């Protein structure tokens, strides 16, 4: 078994069986063209290559480093394109510090919307004036919302300026720390992390309750900040809400600027899907794009997987991608996303958005705003849960299932003739499935 096969085997242990079968298993390692610090894997098509690059290339590079103690640049490509690009990529790799940056993460292909505009502006500003403004820059938000993309976009700008850039996760930082402590080579560890121009660290929340590594990171932080070097950190929550974090670290994380990224609104998700379709050359109609944007959760990474799945199914089954086909392909995935939704969750979400009480939605009230809220709640509950019409009637305090049936008929008429009502349904469905 060659080193490439060993890496894929190790990766299999850390991902789901579906991800391995659908994507990673399709990779082949080129042992002849690969070198000690440059690994080439072939994917069957560009969509699979892009998806693996965005989700697993950093992890694969980390696994190479764990097994060989050498920073290896992983290239996921198509077999017929590697000869033209590999020598060029090797040369570029040698000219910079190995930073594990994904070159496809740029400001140009980051979709900006109201949910991420502030964070985008902050990172862009930092990329233009390293160490001068917002140092450190702390970005926080949920999984898959673009924190790493933004951070690495700045890293790529810095690297193109000739700066020494290190991108790492807290897990990689911790593993390197433990290895150097064990080998009594802490001077090499400190030289690497304290002498770079830019340090980018993902998932800083995993420093929680790790006293030894917090101590080391504190001194690394102090050395870089004191030398005017730029630090960018990401986490899933605000520094104040990270438990098990030393107060001195927490305060330093807030020294510069703290910016959050919220789940994307419907319009931004649509723009993201359109952009991904263009990059991956997948043709989808507006109805399909709107449907995907409405039903997927807030994890933007899921979009790549959905497009890859649709493309693969259509290729293998020799059918065009239409709305009915899309709903069939995504059926299991949507059921999984919505498994935790309840009538209470949906009703509370609608009530909060429309600024009324949940109990009023389930009351006998007939005012215009209550009827409007009740219709929306009933429609979304019917669409997103497995509750029957008698169950919905009981929950909403209606006479029987015929009352629900009559309401649904009226709602369908509104969806056809009232664009504002249709948009509100889509917005709330998006919010509710995002929360779930």
Foldseek 3Di string as FASTA:
>chain_A
DDPVVVLLVVVCVVDDPCCCVLAVVQWDWDPVPADLAETEIEHPADLSLVLCLVPPQLVSQLSSCVVPVYRHHYHYYHPVCCVVPVVVVVVLCVLADRASFRVVLALVLDQDDPQCPVVLVVLVVCLVPFLPAQAAEEEAAAAQLCLSSSLSNSVVSCVVVVFHEHEEEVVSLVVVVVVCVVVVNVVVVLCNLQVGQEYEYEAPLVCAQVVVVLVVVVVSSCSNNVVSGYYYYYHHDQLVPRHRHDPVVSVNNPPGHYYYGYQDFLVSQLVSLVSSCVVRVPDADPVQSSVCSLQAASNSSVSSVLSSQQVVVCVVVVHHDYNVNSCVSCVVVSCVLLVPDDLVLLLCLLCVVLVHDSVLLLDPDDDPSSLLSVLLSLVLCVVRHPDDLQRSCVRSVHDGSVVSVVSVVVLVVCCVPPVVSVVVSSRSSHVSSNVD
